[in-house]
């Protein structure tokens, strides 16, 4: 009796419908309508990513300065110095600038969200923050000139060397924050300011305020 061998069944692969999807078959998982954004993973804005990288680098820099100060003090006692009183006033100025910047950020966010009040300039607190930042830099400059007029320069002793290095390094980084504020104001005036840009600028400025408070405490305790 002859045995008939049946051929194996053919299995058809299911394919995603290609009509209206523009995906060319089953390989590209593009939803109907071609909206690729629906299947892409969320990625933070470049401004947000860049600012965190920058803050990490600044943190490492001042951590190195702190380590050098602590090691130097452990090797040989540092000569005590008297901090210029304007530094304490500057601390209040930079703390106030953080409050004004946060007010500005919330006001501009509400403006972008459609809550528009024609009698209110959404960028006015940005100008106040910029003014306070410039006032802080002016106060730091006054402190340096005051010490120099008293004969206390960078090369006077190790204590003043650390003082100038830490305060000048902070002021230079703060100038970057002032540039960010100017950039945000210009973009706001041209109605092209993105919320991510403003948030990144705010984070940097708040970090500069916290860093200054830390440096002032470090100088007050170690010098």
N, C-alpha and C. Protein backbone atom coordinates (compact mmCIF):
# COMPACT_ATOMS: atom_id res chain seq x y z
N UNK A 1 0.85 -1.19 0.00
CA UNK A 1 0.00 0.00 0.00
C UNK A 1 0.89 1.24 0.00
N UNK A 2 0.68 2.10 -0.97
CA UNK A 2 1.51 3.29 -1.12
C UNK A 2 1.12 4.36 -0.10
N UNK A 3 2.13 5.02 0.42
CA UNK A 3 1.89 6.09 1.40
C UNK A 3 2.18 7.44 0.76
N UNK A 4 1.21 8.32 0.84
CA UNK A 4 1.35 9.64 0.24
C UNK A 4 1.83 10.63 1.30
N UNK A 5 2.95 11.27 1.04
CA UNK A 5 3.50 12.26 1.98
C UNK A 5 2.98 13.62 1.61
N UNK A 6 2.28 14.24 2.54
CA UNK A 6 1.72 15.57 2.32
C UNK A 6 2.79 16.64 2.52
N UNK A 7 2.82 17.66 1.70
CA UNK A 7 3.80 18.75 1.89
C UNK A 7 3.51 19.53 3.16
N UNK A 8 4.54 20.07 3.80
CA UNK A 8 4.31 20.83 5.06
C UNK A 8 3.47 22.07 4.79
N UNK A 9 2.65 22.42 5.75
CA UNK A 9 1.79 23.60 5.55
C UNK A 9 2.62 24.87 5.43
N UNK A 10 2.15 25.79 4.66
CA UNK A 10 2.80 27.08 4.47
C UNK A 10 2.25 28.09 5.47
N UNK A 11 3.15 28.70 6.21
CA UNK A 11 2.74 29.66 7.25
C UNK A 11 2.98 31.05 6.72
N UNK A 12 1.96 31.86 6.68
CA UNK A 12 2.06 33.23 6.21
C UNK A 12 2.37 34.15 7.38
N UNK A 13 3.39 34.98 7.22
CA UNK A 13 3.69 35.97 8.27
C UNK A 13 2.70 37.10 8.19
N UNK A 14 2.20 37.48 9.38
CA UNK A 14 1.29 38.63 9.42
C UNK A 14 2.07 39.89 9.16
N UNK A 15 1.53 40.74 8.37
CA UNK A 15 2.17 42.01 8.05
C UNK A 15 1.28 43.15 8.55
N UNK A 16 1.93 44.17 8.98
CA UNK A 16 1.19 45.35 9.40
C UNK A 16 0.63 46.03 8.18
N UNK A 17 -0.52 46.61 8.25
CA UNK A 17 -1.08 47.30 7.09
C UNK A 17 -0.20 48.45 6.69
N UNK A 18 0.09 48.54 5.41
CA UNK A 18 0.98 49.59 4.92
C UNK A 18 0.23 50.81 4.42
N UNK A 19 -1.09 50.68 4.23
CA UNK A 19 -1.83 51.81 3.70
C UNK A 19 -1.92 52.93 4.73
N UNK A 20 -1.42 54.10 4.39
CA UNK A 20 -1.51 55.27 5.26
C UNK A 20 -0.43 55.33 6.31
N UNK A 21 0.40 54.26 6.40
CA UNK A 21 1.43 54.27 7.43
C UNK A 21 2.76 54.73 6.90
N UNK A 22 3.03 54.46 5.63
CA UNK A 22 4.29 54.90 5.05
C UNK A 22 5.48 54.18 5.64
N UNK A 23 5.25 52.92 6.14
CA UNK A 23 6.35 52.23 6.80
C UNK A 23 6.97 51.16 5.93
N UNK A 24 6.44 50.95 4.74
CA UNK A 24 7.05 49.97 3.84
C UNK A 24 6.96 48.56 4.34
N UNK A 25 5.92 48.18 5.05
CA UNK A 25 5.78 46.80 5.51
C UNK A 25 5.90 46.70 7.01
N UNK A 26 6.43 45.58 7.49
CA UNK A 26 6.42 45.28 8.91
C UNK A 26 7.69 45.66 9.63
N UNK A 27 8.69 46.16 8.92
CA UNK A 27 9.99 46.40 9.54
C UNK A 27 10.04 47.69 10.34
N UNK A 28 9.40 48.72 9.88
CA UNK A 28 9.41 50.01 10.57
C UNK A 28 8.10 50.20 11.31
N UNK A 29 8.17 50.29 12.61
CA UNK A 29 6.96 50.41 13.41
C UNK A 29 6.53 51.86 13.48
N UNK A 30 6.05 52.37 12.38
CA UNK A 30 5.55 53.74 12.32
C UNK A 30 4.04 53.69 12.40
N UNK A 31 3.42 54.39 13.30
CA UNK A 31 1.97 54.33 13.44
C UNK A 31 1.27 54.92 12.24
N UNK A 32 0.02 54.59 12.11
CA UNK A 32 -0.77 55.09 11.00
C UNK A 32 -0.83 56.61 11.04
N UNK A 33 -0.61 57.22 9.92
CA UNK A 33 -0.56 58.67 9.86
C UNK A 33 0.86 59.20 9.80
N UNK A 34 1.88 58.28 10.01
CA UNK A 34 3.27 58.68 9.87
C UNK A 34 3.82 59.50 11.01
N UNK A 35 3.17 59.54 12.18
CA UNK A 35 3.65 60.34 13.30
C UNK A 35 4.69 59.54 14.07
N UNK A 36 5.97 59.75 13.72
CA UNK A 36 7.05 58.99 14.35
C UNK A 36 7.21 59.34 15.81
N UNK A 37 6.82 60.54 16.22
CA UNK A 37 7.02 60.98 17.59
C UNK A 37 6.30 60.10 18.59
N UNK A 38 5.25 59.38 18.15
CA UNK A 38 4.49 58.56 19.08
C UNK A 38 5.26 57.33 19.52
N UNK A 39 6.23 56.88 18.74
CA UNK A 39 6.96 55.67 19.09
C UNK A 39 8.38 55.96 19.52
N UNK A 40 8.82 57.23 19.48
CA UNK A 40 10.15 57.59 19.93
C UNK A 40 10.19 57.72 21.44
N UNK A 41 11.29 57.27 22.04
CA UNK A 41 11.47 57.47 23.48
C UNK A 41 11.69 58.95 23.74
N UNK A 42 11.26 59.39 24.91
CA UNK A 42 11.43 60.80 25.28
C UNK A 42 12.91 61.08 25.52
N UNK A 43 13.39 62.18 24.99
CA UNK A 43 14.75 62.63 25.24
C UNK A 43 14.69 64.06 25.72
N UNK A 44 15.47 64.39 26.77
CA UNK A 44 15.43 65.76 27.31
C UNK A 44 15.96 66.75 26.30
N UNK A 45 15.54 68.02 26.40
CA UNK A 45 16.05 69.04 25.49
C UNK A 45 17.56 69.18 25.63
N UNK A 46 18.26 69.55 24.54
CA UNK A 46 19.71 69.71 24.61
C UNK A 46 20.14 70.72 25.67
N UNK A 47 19.34 71.79 25.86
CA UNK A 47 19.70 72.80 26.86
C UNK A 47 19.72 72.19 28.25
N UNK A 48 18.76 71.30 28.54
CA UNK A 48 18.70 70.68 29.86
C UNK A 48 19.88 69.74 30.08
N UNK A 49 20.19 68.94 29.06
CA UNK A 49 21.32 68.01 29.18
C UNK A 49 22.63 68.76 29.32
N UNK A 50 22.82 69.79 28.51
CA UNK A 50 24.07 70.55 28.55
C UNK A 50 24.30 71.24 29.87
N UNK A 51 23.22 71.76 30.47
CA UNK A 51 23.38 72.50 31.72
C UNK A 51 23.80 71.58 32.85
N UNK A 52 23.28 70.35 32.87
CA UNK A 52 23.67 69.42 33.93
C UNK A 52 25.13 69.00 33.77
N UNK A 53 25.57 68.83 32.53
CA UNK A 53 26.99 68.51 32.30
C UNK A 53 27.87 69.66 32.76
N UNK A 54 27.46 70.89 32.43
CA UNK A 54 28.22 72.05 32.85
C UNK A 54 28.28 72.21 34.36
N UNK A 55 27.16 71.99 35.03
CA UNK A 55 27.14 72.11 36.49
C UNK A 55 28.01 71.05 37.15
N UNK A 56 28.03 69.85 36.56
CA UNK A 56 28.88 68.80 37.10
C UNK A 56 30.35 69.18 36.98
N UNK A 57 30.73 69.78 35.85
CA UNK A 57 32.12 70.20 35.66
C UNK A 57 32.50 71.31 36.64
N UNK A 58 31.59 72.27 36.85
CA UNK A 58 31.87 73.36 37.79
C UNK A 58 31.99 72.82 39.21
N UNK A 59 31.13 71.87 39.56
CA UNK A 59 31.20 71.26 40.89
C UNK A 59 32.54 70.59 41.13
N UNK A 60 33.02 69.87 40.13
CA UNK A 60 34.31 69.19 40.26
C UNK A 60 35.45 70.21 40.40
N UNK A 61 35.34 71.32 39.68
CA UNK A 61 36.38 72.36 39.76
C UNK A 61 36.49 72.94 41.15
N UNK A 62 35.35 73.32 41.73
CA UNK A 62 35.38 73.94 43.06
C UNK A 62 35.63 72.90 44.15
N UNK A 63 35.30 71.64 43.88
CA UNK A 63 35.66 70.58 44.82
C UNK A 63 37.18 70.43 44.88
N UNK A 64 37.83 70.60 43.73
CA UNK A 64 39.30 70.54 43.71
C UNK A 64 39.90 71.72 44.47
N UNK A 65 39.31 72.91 44.30
CA UNK A 65 39.78 74.07 45.05
C UNK A 65 39.62 73.85 46.56
N UNK A 66 38.48 73.30 46.95
CA UNK A 66 38.23 73.04 48.37
C UNK A 66 39.22 72.05 48.93
N UNK A 67 39.48 70.99 48.15
CA UNK A 67 40.43 69.98 48.59
C UNK A 67 41.82 70.58 48.76
N UNK A 68 42.23 71.44 47.83
CA UNK A 68 43.54 72.08 47.92
C UNK A 68 43.63 72.97 49.17
N UNK A 69 42.54 73.68 49.48
CA UNK A 69 42.52 74.54 50.66
C UNK A 69 42.63 73.73 51.94
N UNK A 70 41.88 72.63 52.01
CA UNK A 70 41.90 71.79 53.22
C UNK A 70 43.26 71.14 53.40
N UNK A 71 43.85 70.65 52.30
CA UNK A 71 45.17 70.02 52.39
C UNK A 71 46.23 71.04 52.81
N UNK A 72 46.15 72.24 52.23
CA UNK A 72 47.14 73.28 52.58
C UNK A 72 47.01 73.69 54.05
N UNK A 73 45.79 73.76 54.53
CA UNK A 73 45.59 74.12 55.93
C UNK A 73 46.09 73.02 56.86
N UNK A 74 45.97 71.78 56.43
CA UNK A 74 46.47 70.67 57.24
C UNK A 74 47.98 70.61 57.26
N UNK A 75 48.61 71.11 56.21
CA UNK A 75 50.07 71.10 56.15
C UNK A 75 50.66 72.20 57.03
N UNK A 76 50.12 73.40 56.90
CA UNK A 76 50.59 74.54 57.70
C UNK A 76 49.40 75.47 57.92
N UNK A 77 49.22 75.95 59.15
CA UNK A 77 48.08 76.83 59.44
C UNK A 77 48.10 78.08 58.55
N UNK A 78 46.93 78.43 58.05
CA UNK A 78 46.80 79.61 57.20
C UNK A 78 46.62 80.86 58.06
N UNK A 79 47.14 81.96 57.57
CA UNK A 79 47.01 83.22 58.30
C UNK A 79 45.57 83.72 58.21
N UNK A 80 44.92 84.03 59.33
CA UNK A 80 43.53 84.53 59.29
C UNK A 80 43.44 85.86 58.56
N UNK A 81 42.35 86.05 57.83
CA UNK A 81 42.11 87.31 57.15
C UNK A 81 40.71 87.80 57.50
N UNK A 82 40.50 89.08 57.31
CA UNK A 82 39.19 89.68 57.56
C UNK A 82 38.47 89.85 56.23
N UNK A 83 37.32 89.21 56.09
CA UNK A 83 36.56 89.30 54.85
C UNK A 83 35.92 90.68 54.74
N UNK A 84 35.93 91.29 53.56
CA UNK A 84 35.27 92.59 53.37
C UNK A 84 33.77 92.49 53.68
N UNK A 85 33.21 93.43 54.43
CA UNK A 85 31.78 93.38 54.79
C UNK A 85 30.84 93.35 53.59
N UNK A 86 31.30 93.89 52.43
CA UNK A 86 30.43 93.92 51.26
C UNK A 86 30.08 92.52 50.79
N UNK A 87 30.88 91.53 51.13
CA UNK A 87 30.60 90.16 50.73
C UNK A 87 29.28 89.66 51.34
N UNK A 88 28.99 90.07 52.55
CA UNK A 88 27.75 89.64 53.20
C UNK A 88 26.54 90.32 52.54
N UNK A 89 26.71 91.58 52.15
CA UNK A 89 25.65 92.25 51.41
C UNK A 89 25.44 91.60 50.05
N UNK A 90 26.54 91.20 49.42
CA UNK A 90 26.44 90.52 48.13
C UNK A 90 25.67 89.21 48.24
N UNK A 91 25.82 88.55 49.38
CA UNK A 91 25.08 87.30 49.60
C UNK A 91 23.58 87.54 49.57
N UNK A 92 23.14 88.61 50.21
CA UNK A 92 21.71 88.95 50.17
C UNK A 92 21.27 89.29 48.75
N UNK A 93 22.15 89.96 48.00
CA UNK A 93 21.82 90.34 46.63
C UNK A 93 21.61 89.12 45.75
N UNK A 94 22.51 88.15 45.83
CA UNK A 94 22.40 86.99 44.94
C UNK A 94 21.25 86.08 45.36
N UNK A 95 20.94 86.03 46.66
CA UNK A 95 19.77 85.26 47.10
C UNK A 95 18.49 85.92 46.58
N UNK A 96 18.44 87.26 46.66
CA UNK A 96 17.27 87.98 46.14
C UNK A 96 17.12 87.77 44.64
N UNK A 97 18.24 87.68 43.92
CA UNK A 97 18.16 87.47 42.48
C UNK A 97 17.57 86.11 42.13
N UNK A 98 17.79 85.11 42.98
CA UNK A 98 17.18 83.80 42.75
C UNK A 98 15.66 83.87 42.90
N UNK A 99 15.20 84.65 43.87
CA UNK A 99 13.75 84.81 44.05
C UNK A 99 13.13 85.54 42.87
N UNK A 100 13.78 86.60 42.40
CA UNK A 100 13.23 87.35 41.26
C UNK A 100 13.24 86.51 39.99
N UNK A 101 14.27 85.69 39.82
CA UNK A 101 14.32 84.84 38.64
C UNK A 101 13.23 83.78 38.68
N UNK A 102 12.95 83.25 39.86
CA UNK A 102 11.88 82.25 39.96
C UNK A 102 10.52 82.90 39.69
N UNK A 103 10.33 84.13 40.17
CA UNK A 103 9.10 84.85 39.84
C UNK A 103 8.97 85.04 38.34
N UNK A 104 10.06 85.40 37.71
CA UNK A 104 10.05 85.60 36.26
C UNK A 104 9.75 84.30 35.53
N UNK A 105 10.38 83.22 35.96
CA UNK A 105 10.16 81.93 35.29
C UNK A 105 8.70 81.50 35.35
N UNK A 106 8.09 81.67 36.51
CA UNK A 106 6.69 81.27 36.64
C UNK A 106 5.77 82.19 35.85
N UNK A 107 6.09 83.47 35.84
CA UNK A 107 5.26 84.41 35.10
C UNK A 107 5.35 84.17 33.60
N UNK A 108 6.55 83.91 33.12
CA UNK A 108 6.72 83.64 31.69
C UNK A 108 6.09 82.31 31.31
N UNK A 109 6.19 81.30 32.19
CA UNK A 109 5.56 80.02 31.92
C UNK A 109 4.04 80.16 31.80
N UNK A 110 3.46 80.98 32.69
CA UNK A 110 2.02 81.23 32.61
C UNK A 110 1.67 81.98 31.32
N UNK A 111 2.54 82.91 30.92
CA UNK A 111 2.32 83.66 29.69
C UNK A 111 2.36 82.73 28.48
N UNK A 112 3.32 81.81 28.48
CA UNK A 112 3.41 80.84 27.38
C UNK A 112 2.24 79.89 27.37
N UNK A 113 1.68 79.64 28.56
CA UNK A 113 0.55 78.73 28.65
C UNK A 113 -0.78 79.36 28.27
N UNK A 114 -0.76 80.63 27.90
CA UNK A 114 -1.99 81.27 27.44
C UNK A 114 -2.59 82.24 28.42
N UNK A 115 -2.04 82.32 29.64
CA UNK A 115 -2.55 83.27 30.62
C UNK A 115 -1.85 84.61 30.36
N UNK A 116 -2.42 85.41 29.51
CA UNK A 116 -1.78 86.63 29.06
C UNK A 116 -2.49 87.85 29.64
N UNK A 117 -1.74 88.65 30.33
CA UNK A 117 -2.23 89.89 30.90
C UNK A 117 -1.51 91.04 30.20
N UNK A 118 -2.24 91.81 29.41
CA UNK A 118 -1.62 92.85 28.61
C UNK A 118 -1.02 93.97 29.46
N UNK A 119 -1.42 94.08 30.72
CA UNK A 119 -0.90 95.14 31.57
C UNK A 119 0.39 94.74 32.27
N UNK A 120 0.82 93.49 32.09
CA UNK A 120 1.99 92.99 32.78
C UNK A 120 3.05 92.58 31.78
N UNK A 121 4.26 93.06 32.00
CA UNK A 121 5.38 92.64 31.16
C UNK A 121 5.95 91.35 31.72
N UNK A 122 5.84 90.23 31.01
CA UNK A 122 6.29 88.95 31.58
C UNK A 122 7.79 88.88 31.81
N UNK A 123 8.55 89.78 31.20
CA UNK A 123 9.99 89.72 31.36
C UNK A 123 10.56 90.73 32.33
N UNK A 124 9.70 91.44 33.07
CA UNK A 124 10.23 92.51 33.93
C UNK A 124 11.11 91.97 35.04
N UNK A 125 10.77 90.79 35.58
CA UNK A 125 11.59 90.24 36.65
C UNK A 125 12.91 89.71 36.12
N UNK A 126 12.98 89.40 34.83
CA UNK A 126 14.26 89.03 34.23
C UNK A 126 15.22 90.21 34.26
N UNK A 127 14.68 91.39 33.98
CA UNK A 127 15.51 92.59 34.03
C UNK A 127 15.99 92.87 35.45
N UNK A 128 15.11 92.65 36.42
CA UNK A 128 15.49 92.85 37.82
C UNK A 128 16.59 91.87 38.21
N UNK A 129 16.45 90.61 37.78
CA UNK A 129 17.47 89.60 38.07
C UNK A 129 18.80 89.97 37.44
N UNK A 130 18.76 90.45 36.20
CA UNK A 130 19.99 90.87 35.53
C UNK A 130 20.65 92.04 36.28
N UNK A 131 19.84 92.97 36.74
CA UNK A 131 20.38 94.11 37.49
C UNK A 131 21.04 93.65 38.79
N UNK A 132 20.38 92.73 39.49
CA UNK A 132 20.95 92.23 40.75
C UNK A 132 22.24 91.46 40.49
N UNK A 133 22.30 90.73 39.38
CA UNK A 133 23.52 90.02 39.03
C UNK A 133 24.67 90.98 38.77
N UNK A 134 24.39 92.05 38.03
CA UNK A 134 25.42 93.07 37.79
C UNK A 134 25.84 93.75 39.08
N UNK A 135 24.86 93.96 39.97
CA UNK A 135 25.18 94.56 41.27
C UNK A 135 26.08 93.65 42.08
N UNK A 136 25.86 92.35 41.99
CA UNK A 136 26.72 91.40 42.70
C UNK A 136 28.15 91.47 42.18
N UNK A 137 28.31 91.49 40.86
CA UNK A 137 29.65 91.58 40.29
C UNK A 137 30.32 92.89 40.69
N UNK A 138 29.54 93.98 40.71
CA UNK A 138 30.10 95.27 41.14
C UNK A 138 30.55 95.20 42.59
N UNK A 139 29.78 94.53 43.45
CA UNK A 139 30.16 94.39 44.84
C UNK A 139 31.44 93.57 45.01
N UNK A 140 31.57 92.50 44.21
CA UNK A 140 32.79 91.71 44.27
C UNK A 140 34.00 92.53 43.83
N UNK A 141 33.82 93.31 42.77
CA UNK A 141 34.91 94.16 42.29
C UNK A 141 35.31 95.18 43.35
N UNK A 142 34.32 95.73 44.03
CA UNK A 142 34.61 96.69 45.11
C UNK A 142 35.40 96.02 46.22
N UNK A 143 35.07 94.78 46.56
CA UNK A 143 35.79 94.06 47.61
C UNK A 143 37.25 93.83 47.21
N UNK A 144 37.48 93.46 45.95
CA UNK A 144 38.86 93.24 45.50
C UNK A 144 39.67 94.53 45.53
N UNK A 145 39.05 95.63 45.06
CA UNK A 145 39.75 96.91 45.04
C UNK A 145 40.03 97.41 46.46
N UNK A 146 39.08 97.15 47.36
CA UNK A 146 39.27 97.57 48.75
C UNK A 146 40.44 96.84 49.38
N UNK A 147 40.52 95.53 49.16
CA UNK A 147 41.64 94.77 49.72
C UNK A 147 42.97 95.19 49.10
N UNK A 148 42.94 95.44 47.79
CA UNK A 148 44.18 95.85 47.13
C UNK A 148 44.65 97.20 47.63
N UNK A 149 43.71 98.12 47.89
CA UNK A 149 44.10 99.45 48.40
C UNK A 149 44.69 99.36 49.80
N UNK A 150 44.33 98.31 50.53
CA UNK A 150 44.87 98.11 51.87
C UNK A 150 46.19 97.33 51.86
N UNK A 151 46.65 96.98 50.66
CA UNK A 151 47.91 96.27 50.54
C UNK A 151 47.80 94.76 50.57
N UNK A 152 46.55 94.24 50.42
CA UNK A 152 46.35 92.79 50.44
C UNK A 152 46.04 92.32 49.01
N UNK A 153 47.07 91.89 48.34
CA UNK A 153 46.91 91.42 46.97
C UNK A 153 46.96 89.92 46.88
N UNK A 154 47.00 89.44 45.64
CA UNK A 154 47.00 88.00 45.39
C UNK A 154 48.23 87.32 45.99
N UNK A 155 49.37 88.01 45.95
CA UNK A 155 50.63 87.40 46.41
C UNK A 155 50.98 87.79 47.84
N UNK A 156 50.05 88.36 48.58
CA UNK A 156 50.35 88.77 49.96
C UNK A 156 50.69 87.57 50.82
N UNK A 157 49.82 86.60 50.84
CA UNK A 157 50.07 85.32 51.51
C UNK A 157 49.13 84.28 50.92
N UNK A 158 49.26 83.05 51.42
CA UNK A 158 48.47 81.94 50.86
C UNK A 158 46.98 82.16 51.09
N UNK A 159 46.62 82.73 52.23
CA UNK A 159 45.20 82.94 52.54
C UNK A 159 44.55 83.85 51.51
N UNK A 160 45.20 84.96 51.20
CA UNK A 160 44.64 85.87 50.20
C UNK A 160 44.69 85.27 48.80
N UNK A 161 45.65 84.41 48.54
CA UNK A 161 45.69 83.72 47.25
C UNK A 161 44.44 82.86 47.07
N UNK A 162 44.09 82.10 48.10
CA UNK A 162 42.88 81.28 48.03
C UNK A 162 41.64 82.16 47.91
N UNK A 163 41.62 83.27 48.63
CA UNK A 163 40.46 84.16 48.59
C UNK A 163 40.24 84.67 47.16
N UNK A 164 41.29 85.16 46.54
CA UNK A 164 41.14 85.71 45.20
C UNK A 164 40.80 84.63 44.18
N UNK A 165 41.44 83.48 44.29
CA UNK A 165 41.18 82.41 43.32
C UNK A 165 39.72 81.96 43.39
N UNK A 166 39.21 81.75 44.60
CA UNK A 166 37.83 81.26 44.75
C UNK A 166 36.81 82.31 44.33
N UNK A 167 36.99 83.54 44.76
CA UNK A 167 35.99 84.57 44.44
C UNK A 167 36.04 84.97 42.97
N UNK A 168 37.24 85.06 42.40
CA UNK A 168 37.34 85.42 40.98
C UNK A 168 36.80 84.29 40.10
N UNK A 169 37.11 83.04 40.45
CA UNK A 169 36.60 81.90 39.67
C UNK A 169 35.07 81.88 39.70
N UNK A 170 34.49 82.17 40.86
CA UNK A 170 33.03 82.21 40.95
C UNK A 170 32.47 83.35 40.11
N UNK A 171 33.10 84.51 40.16
CA UNK A 171 32.62 85.65 39.39
C UNK A 171 32.68 85.38 37.89
N UNK A 172 33.72 84.71 37.43
CA UNK A 172 33.83 84.38 36.01
C UNK A 172 32.71 83.44 35.56
N UNK A 173 32.41 82.47 36.42
CA UNK A 173 31.30 81.57 36.08
C UNK A 173 29.96 82.30 36.15
N UNK A 174 29.87 83.27 37.05
CA UNK A 174 28.63 84.05 37.15
C UNK A 174 28.41 84.89 35.90
N UNK A 175 29.49 85.34 35.27
CA UNK A 175 29.35 86.10 34.03
C UNK A 175 28.67 85.25 32.95
N UNK A 176 28.93 83.94 32.97
CA UNK A 176 28.22 83.05 32.06
C UNK A 176 26.73 83.05 32.33
N UNK A 177 26.35 83.12 33.62
CA UNK A 177 24.94 83.20 33.97
C UNK A 177 24.31 84.51 33.51
N UNK A 178 25.07 85.61 33.60
CA UNK A 178 24.57 86.90 33.11
C UNK A 178 24.36 86.85 31.60
N UNK A 179 25.29 86.18 30.90
CA UNK A 179 25.10 86.01 29.47
C UNK A 179 23.86 85.20 29.14
N UNK A 180 23.58 84.19 29.96
CA UNK A 180 22.36 83.41 29.77
C UNK A 180 21.11 84.23 30.00
N UNK A 181 21.13 85.12 30.98
CA UNK A 181 19.98 86.00 31.24
C UNK A 181 19.76 86.96 30.08
N UNK A 182 20.86 87.54 29.55
CA UNK A 182 20.73 88.44 28.41
C UNK A 182 20.16 87.69 27.21
N UNK A 183 20.63 86.49 26.99
CA UNK A 183 20.13 85.67 25.87
C UNK A 183 18.64 85.38 26.03
N UNK A 184 18.22 85.06 27.26
CA UNK A 184 16.80 84.77 27.51
C UNK A 184 15.95 86.02 27.29
N UNK A 185 16.44 87.18 27.70
CA UNK A 185 15.70 88.42 27.51
C UNK A 185 15.54 88.73 26.02
N UNK A 186 16.62 88.56 25.26
CA UNK A 186 16.56 88.82 23.81
C UNK A 186 15.57 87.88 23.14
N UNK A 187 15.62 86.61 23.49
CA UNK A 187 14.70 85.64 22.89
C UNK A 187 13.25 85.93 23.29
N UNK A 188 13.05 86.36 24.53
CA UNK A 188 11.70 86.69 24.97
C UNK A 188 11.16 87.89 24.21
N UNK A 189 12.00 88.89 24.00
CA UNK A 189 11.56 90.08 23.26
C UNK A 189 11.22 89.77 21.81
N UNK A 190 11.84 88.72 21.26
CA UNK A 190 11.56 88.31 19.89
C UNK A 190 10.54 87.16 19.83
N UNK A 191 9.96 86.82 20.99
CA UNK A 191 8.92 85.78 21.09
C UNK A 191 9.42 84.43 20.59
N UNK A 192 10.69 84.11 20.83
CA UNK A 192 11.22 82.81 20.42
C UNK A 192 11.85 82.09 21.62
N UNK A 193 11.55 82.54 22.83
CA UNK A 193 12.12 81.91 24.02
C UNK A 193 11.41 80.59 24.29
N UNK A 194 12.19 79.52 24.44
CA UNK A 194 11.65 78.21 24.79
C UNK A 194 11.70 78.02 26.30
N UNK A 195 10.74 77.27 26.79
CA UNK A 195 10.70 77.04 28.23
C UNK A 195 11.93 76.27 28.71
N UNK A 196 12.43 75.34 27.89
CA UNK A 196 13.62 74.58 28.27
C UNK A 196 14.83 75.49 28.41
N UNK A 197 14.93 76.51 27.56
CA UNK A 197 16.05 77.47 27.66
C UNK A 197 15.96 78.27 28.95
N UNK A 198 14.77 78.72 29.28
CA UNK A 198 14.59 79.49 30.51
C UNK A 198 14.84 78.63 31.73
N UNK A 199 14.39 77.38 31.70
CA UNK A 199 14.62 76.48 32.84
C UNK A 199 16.11 76.20 33.03
N UNK A 200 16.83 76.01 31.93
CA UNK A 200 18.27 75.76 32.02
C UNK A 200 18.99 76.99 32.59
N UNK A 201 18.59 78.17 32.14
CA UNK A 201 19.19 79.41 32.66
C UNK A 201 18.91 79.55 34.16
N UNK A 202 17.69 79.21 34.57
CA UNK A 202 17.32 79.31 35.98
C UNK A 202 18.13 78.35 36.84
N UNK A 203 18.29 77.11 36.35
CA UNK A 203 19.07 76.14 37.13
C UNK A 203 20.50 76.62 37.31
N UNK A 204 21.10 77.14 36.26
CA UNK A 204 22.48 77.62 36.35
C UNK A 204 22.60 78.77 37.35
N UNK A 205 21.65 79.70 37.28
CA UNK A 205 21.72 80.87 38.17
C UNK A 205 21.51 80.47 39.62
N UNK A 206 20.55 79.60 39.88
CA UNK A 206 20.33 79.14 41.25
C UNK A 206 21.57 78.41 41.78
N UNK A 207 22.20 77.65 40.91
CA UNK A 207 23.42 76.94 41.31
C UNK A 207 24.52 77.92 41.68
N UNK A 208 24.64 79.02 40.92
CA UNK A 208 25.64 80.03 41.25
C UNK A 208 25.37 80.65 42.61
N UNK A 209 24.11 80.84 42.96
CA UNK A 209 23.76 81.38 44.27
C UNK A 209 24.13 80.43 45.39
N UNK A 210 23.79 79.15 45.22
CA UNK A 210 24.13 78.16 46.23
C UNK A 210 25.65 78.02 46.36
N UNK A 211 26.35 78.06 45.22
CA UNK A 211 27.80 77.95 45.24
C UNK A 211 28.44 79.11 45.99
N UNK A 212 27.89 80.31 45.81
CA UNK A 212 28.47 81.46 46.52
C UNK A 212 28.27 81.34 48.03
N UNK A 213 27.10 80.92 48.46
CA UNK A 213 26.87 80.75 49.91
C UNK A 213 27.85 79.72 50.47
N UNK A 214 28.07 78.66 49.71
CA UNK A 214 29.05 77.64 50.15
C UNK A 214 30.45 78.23 50.26
N UNK A 215 30.85 79.01 49.25
CA UNK A 215 32.19 79.59 49.25
C UNK A 215 32.37 80.59 50.39
N UNK A 216 31.34 81.37 50.66
CA UNK A 216 31.43 82.33 51.75
C UNK A 216 31.60 81.62 53.09
N UNK A 217 30.86 80.55 53.29
CA UNK A 217 31.01 79.77 54.53
C UNK A 217 32.38 79.13 54.60
N UNK A 218 32.88 78.65 53.46
CA UNK A 218 34.21 78.03 53.44
C UNK A 218 35.29 79.05 53.79
N UNK A 219 35.21 80.23 53.20
CA UNK A 219 36.19 81.28 53.50
C UNK A 219 36.10 81.74 54.94
N UNK A 220 34.89 81.84 55.44
CA UNK A 220 34.68 82.32 56.82
C UNK A 220 35.22 81.31 57.83
N UNK A 221 35.06 80.01 57.55
CA UNK A 221 35.50 78.99 58.50
C UNK A 221 36.98 78.67 58.38
N UNK A 222 37.50 78.66 57.14
CA UNK A 222 38.89 78.21 56.93
C UNK A 222 39.89 79.36 56.95
N UNK A 223 39.44 80.58 56.61
CA UNK A 223 40.37 81.70 56.59
C UNK A 223 40.07 82.69 57.70
